[in-house]
């Protein structure tokens, strides 16, 4: 299970599980990187 992700902007995101990580990543993208929408699969590809 992947629960961590380092955004290219330097922000470190961590979730309790993959669903939590996806939600936190999408919230980060909406707030910090408007217009950059990534699918669940794309986010998990970058996660570890």
PDB file of N, CA and C in Angstrom:
ATOM      1  N   UNK A   1       0.839  -1.174   0.000  1.00  0.00           N
ATOM      2  CA  UNK A   1       0.000   0.000   0.000  1.00  0.00           C
ATOM      3  C   UNK A   1       0.891   1.246   0.000  1.00  0.00           C
ATOM      4  N   UNK A   2       0.574   2.162  -0.862  1.00  0.00           N
ATOM      5  CA  UNK A   2       1.327   3.416  -0.975  1.00  0.00           C
ATOM      6  C   UNK A   2       0.629   4.492  -0.156  1.00  0.00           C
ATOM      7  N   UNK A   3       1.373   5.142   0.725  1.00  0.00           N
ATOM      8  CA  UNK A   3       0.763   6.138   1.609  1.00  0.00           C
ATOM      9  C   UNK A   3       1.532   7.455   1.645  1.00  0.00           C
ATOM     10  N   UNK A   4       2.571   7.591   0.812  1.00  0.00           N
ATOM     11  CA  UNK A   4       3.389   8.804   0.823  1.00  0.00           C
ATOM     12  C   UNK A   4       3.621   9.302  -0.594  1.00  0.00           C
ATOM     13  N   UNK A   5       3.774  10.619  -0.697  1.00  0.00           N
ATOM     14  CA  UNK A   5       4.041  11.219  -1.992  1.00  0.00           C
ATOM     15  C   UNK A   5       4.798  12.529  -1.775  1.00  0.00           C
ATOM     16  N   UNK A   6       5.808  12.747  -2.571  1.00  0.00           N
ATOM     17  CA  UNK A   6       6.532  14.022  -2.566  1.00  0.00           C
ATOM     18  C   UNK A   6       6.144  14.741  -3.844  1.00  0.00           C
ATOM     19  N   UNK A   7       5.433  15.844  -3.702  1.00  0.00           N
ATOM     20  CA  UNK A   7       5.025  16.645  -4.852  1.00  0.00           C
ATOM     21  C   UNK A   7       6.266  17.300  -5.452  1.00  0.00           C
ATOM     22  N   UNK A   8       6.308  17.473  -6.756  1.00  0.00           N
ATOM     23  CA  UNK A   8       7.450  18.163  -7.375  1.00  0.00           C
ATOM     24  C   UNK A   8       7.703  19.558  -6.802  1.00  0.00           C
ATOM     25  N   UNK A   9       6.685  20.171  -6.171  1.00  0.00           N
ATOM     26  CA  UNK A   9       6.884  21.495  -5.562  1.00  0.00           C
ATOM     27  C   UNK A   9       7.627  21.394  -4.231  1.00  0.00           C
ATOM     28  N   UNK A  10       7.820  20.157  -3.738  1.00  0.00           N
ATOM     29  CA  UNK A  10       8.536  19.959  -2.493  1.00  0.00           C
ATOM     30  C   UNK A  10       7.645  19.563  -1.327  1.00  0.00           C
ATOM     31  N   UNK A  11       6.352  19.700  -1.488  1.00  0.00           N
ATOM     32  CA  UNK A  11       5.406  19.337  -0.421  1.00  0.00           C
ATOM     33  C   UNK A  11       5.401  17.826  -0.218  1.00  0.00           C
ATOM     34  N   UNK A  12       5.441  17.404   1.049  1.00  0.00           N
ATOM     35  CA  UNK A  12       5.387  15.989   1.410  1.00  0.00           C
ATOM     36  C   UNK A  12       3.977  15.679   1.888  1.00  0.00           C
ATOM     37  N   UNK A  13       3.348  14.684   1.280  1.00  0.00           N
ATOM     38  CA  UNK A  13       1.991  14.301   1.638  1.00  0.00           C
ATOM     39  C   UNK A  13       1.993  12.877   2.163  1.00  0.00           C
ATOM     40  N   UNK A  14       1.190  12.644   3.212  1.00  0.00           N
ATOM     41  CA  UNK A  14       1.109  11.307   3.778  1.00  0.00           C
ATOM     42  C   UNK A  14      -0.337  11.018   4.136  1.00  0.00           C
ATOM     43  N   UNK A  15      -0.794   9.831   3.767  1.00  0.00           N
ATOM     44  CA  UNK A  15      -2.163   9.423   4.076  1.00  0.00           C
ATOM     45  C   UNK A  15      -2.183   8.199   4.960  1.00  0.00           C
ATOM     46  N   UNK A  16      -3.322   7.954   5.596  1.00  0.00           N
ATOM     47  CA  UNK A  16      -3.484   6.768   6.435  1.00  0.00           C
ATOM     48  C   UNK A  16      -3.575   5.504   5.581  1.00  0.00           C
ATOM     49  N   UNK A  17      -4.094   5.674   4.359  1.00  0.00           N
ATOM     50  CA  UNK A  17      -4.177   4.588   3.387  1.00  0.00           C
ATOM     51  C   UNK A  17      -4.195   5.237   2.003  1.00  0.00           C
ATOM     52  N   UNK A  18      -4.324   4.444   0.957  1.00  0.00           N
ATOM     53  CA  UNK A  18      -4.272   5.001  -0.395  1.00  0.00           C
ATOM     54  C   UNK A  18      -5.415   5.975  -0.653  1.00  0.00           C
ATOM     55  N   UNK A  19      -6.613   5.660  -0.169  1.00  0.00           N
ATOM     56  CA  UNK A  19      -7.751   6.563  -0.383  1.00  0.00           C
ATOM     57  C   UNK A  19      -7.502   7.913   0.285  1.00  0.00           C
ATOM     58  N   UNK A  20      -6.947   7.899   1.498  1.00  0.00           N
ATOM     59  CA  UNK A  20      -6.642   9.137   2.215  1.00  0.00           C
ATOM     60  C   UNK A  20      -5.560   9.918   1.482  1.00  0.00           C
ATOM     61  N   UNK A  21      -4.539   9.225   0.989  1.00  0.00           N
ATOM     62  CA  UNK A  21      -3.474   9.886   0.236  1.00  0.00           C
ATOM     63  C   UNK A  21      -4.034  10.532  -1.029  1.00  0.00           C
ATOM     64  N   UNK A  22      -4.915   9.840  -1.730  1.00  0.00           N
ATOM     65  CA  UNK A  22      -5.527  10.386  -2.945  1.00  0.00           C
ATOM     66  C   UNK A  22      -6.291  11.668  -2.607  1.00  0.00           C
ATOM     67  N   UNK A  23      -7.095  11.631  -1.553  1.00  0.00           N
ATOM     68  CA  UNK A  23      -7.882  12.801  -1.157  1.00  0.00           C
ATOM     69  C   UNK A  23      -6.979  13.970  -0.792  1.00  0.00           C
ATOM     70  N   UNK A  24      -5.938  13.716  -0.020  1.00  0.00           N
ATOM     71  CA  UNK A  24      -5.022  14.785   0.383  1.00  0.00           C
ATOM     72  C   UNK A  24      -4.254  15.337  -0.816  1.00  0.00           C
ATOM     73  N   UNK A  25      -3.871  14.468  -1.728  1.00  0.00           N
ATOM     74  CA  UNK A  25      -3.150  14.915  -2.915  1.00  0.00           C
ATOM     75  C   UNK A  25      -4.055  15.760  -3.807  1.00  0.00           C
ATOM     76  N   UNK A  26      -5.279  15.325  -4.006  1.00  0.00           N
ATOM     77  CA  UNK A  26      -6.203  16.100  -4.834  1.00  0.00           C
ATOM     78  C   UNK A  26      -6.514  17.447  -4.193  1.00  0.00           C
ATOM     79  N   UNK A  27      -6.621  17.502  -2.871  1.00  0.00           N
ATOM     80  CA  UNK A  27      -6.847  18.776  -2.182  1.00  0.00           C
ATOM     81  C   UNK A  27      -5.634  19.689  -2.349  1.00  0.00           C
ATOM     82  N   UNK A  28      -4.433  19.128  -2.229  1.00  0.00           N
ATOM     83  CA  UNK A  28      -3.201  19.898  -2.424  1.00  0.00           C
ATOM     84  C   UNK A  28      -3.138  20.448  -3.846  1.00  0.00           C
ATOM     85  N   UNK A  29      -3.447  19.616  -4.817  1.00  0.00           N
ATOM     86  CA  UNK A  29      -3.424  20.054  -6.213  1.00  0.00           C
ATOM     87  C   UNK A  29      -4.420  21.186  -6.451  1.00  0.00           C
ATOM     88  N   UNK A  30      -5.626  21.055  -5.919  1.00  0.00           N
ATOM     89  CA  UNK A  30      -6.652  22.078  -6.113  1.00  0.00           C
ATOM     90  C   UNK A  30      -6.229  23.410  -5.491  1.00  0.00           C
ATOM     91  N   UNK A  31      -5.573  23.338  -4.337  1.00  0.00           N
ATOM     92  CA  UNK A  31      -5.180  24.557  -3.626  1.00  0.00           C
ATOM     93  C   UNK A  31      -3.901  25.179  -4.185  1.00  0.00           C
ATOM     94  N   UNK A  32      -2.908  24.362  -4.432  1.00  0.00           N
ATOM     95  CA  UNK A  32      -1.586  24.860  -4.814  1.00  0.00           C
ATOM     96  C   UNK A  32      -1.307  24.843  -6.316  1.00  0.00           C
ATOM     97  N   UNK A  33      -1.985  23.970  -7.057  1.00  0.00           N
ATOM     98  CA  UNK A  33      -1.706  23.792  -8.485  1.00  0.00           C
ATOM     99  C   UNK A  33      -3.007  23.707  -9.286  1.00  0.00           C
ATOM    100  N   UNK A  34      -3.819  24.779  -9.271  1.00  0.00           N
ATOM    101  CA  UNK A  34      -5.093  24.738 -10.009  1.00  0.00           C
ATOM    102  C   UNK A  34      -4.862  24.369 -11.478  1.00  0.00           C
ATOM    103  N   UNK A  35      -5.742  23.517 -11.976  1.00  0.00           N
ATOM    104  CA  UNK A  35      -5.642  23.104 -13.368  1.00  0.00           C
ATOM    105  C   UNK A  35      -4.824  21.842 -13.574  1.00  0.00           C
ATOM    106  N   UNK A  36      -4.146  21.395 -12.529  1.00  0.00           N
ATOM    107  CA  UNK A  36      -3.368  20.148 -12.604  1.00  0.00           C
ATOM    108  C   UNK A  36      -4.188  19.051 -11.933  1.00  0.00           C
ATOM    109  N   UNK A  37      -4.917  18.340 -12.741  1.00  0.00           N
ATOM    110  CA  UNK A  37      -5.748  17.255 -12.229  1.00  0.00           C
ATOM    111  C   UNK A  37      -5.111  15.926 -12.600  1.00  0.00           C
ATOM    112  N   UNK A  38      -4.955  15.060 -11.612  1.00  0.00           N
ATOM    113  CA  UNK A  38      -4.356  13.749 -11.842  1.00  0.00           C
ATOM    114  C   UNK A  38      -5.337  12.671 -11.397  1.00  0.00           C
ATOM    115  N   UNK A  39      -5.341  11.576 -12.128  1.00  0.00           N
ATOM    116  CA  UNK A  39      -6.213  10.457 -11.791  1.00  0.00           C
ATOM    117  C   UNK A  39      -5.626   9.697 -10.602  1.00  0.00           C
ATOM    118  N   UNK A  40      -6.433   8.842 -10.038  1.00  0.00           N
ATOM    119  CA  UNK A  40      -5.981   7.978  -8.931  1.00  0.00           C
ATOM    120  C   UNK A  40      -4.742   7.196  -9.345  1.00  0.00           C
ATOM    121  N   UNK A  41      -4.764   6.642 -10.557  1.00  0.00           N
ATOM    122  CA  UNK A  41      -3.645   5.838 -11.044  1.00  0.00           C
ATOM    123  C   UNK A  41      -2.375   6.672 -11.184  1.00  0.00           C
ATOM    124  N   UNK A  42      -2.507   7.902 -11.672  1.00  0.00           N
ATOM    125  CA  UNK A  42      -1.338   8.786 -11.821  1.00  0.00           C
ATOM    126  C   UNK A  42      -0.754   9.153 -10.461  1.00  0.00           C
ATOM    127  N   UNK A  43      -1.616   9.426  -9.497  1.00  0.00           N
ATOM    128  CA  UNK A  43      -1.135   9.764  -8.157  1.00  0.00           C
ATOM    129  C   UNK A  43      -0.428   8.563  -7.535  1.00  0.00           C
ATOM    130  N   UNK A  44      -1.003   7.393  -7.647  1.00  0.00           N
ATOM    131  CA  UNK A  44      -0.376   6.197  -7.066  1.00  0.00           C
ATOM    132  C   UNK A  44       0.931   5.844  -7.774  1.00  0.00           C
ATOM    133  N   UNK A  45       1.051   6.205  -9.047  1.00  0.00           N
ATOM    134  CA  UNK A  45       2.305   5.967  -9.765  1.00  0.00           C
ATOM    135  C   UNK A  45       3.434   6.767  -9.135  1.00  0.00           C
ATOM    136  N   UNK A  46       3.122   7.991  -8.684  1.00  0.00           N
ATOM    137  CA  UNK A  46       4.129   8.856  -8.065  1.00  0.00           C
ATOM    138  C   UNK A  46       4.349   8.548  -6.584  1.00  0.00           C
ATOM    139  N   UNK A  47       3.400   7.862  -5.982  1.00  0.00           N
ATOM    140  CA  UNK A  47       3.466   7.601  -4.546  1.00  0.00           C
ATOM    141  C   UNK A  47       4.402   6.430  -4.228  1.00  0.00           C
ATOM    142  N   UNK A  48       4.742   6.361  -2.960  1.00  0.00           N
ATOM    143  CA  UNK A  48       5.560   5.238  -2.478  1.00  0.00           C
ATOM    144  C   UNK A  48       5.114   4.833  -1.088  1.00  0.00           C
TER     145      UNK A  48
END
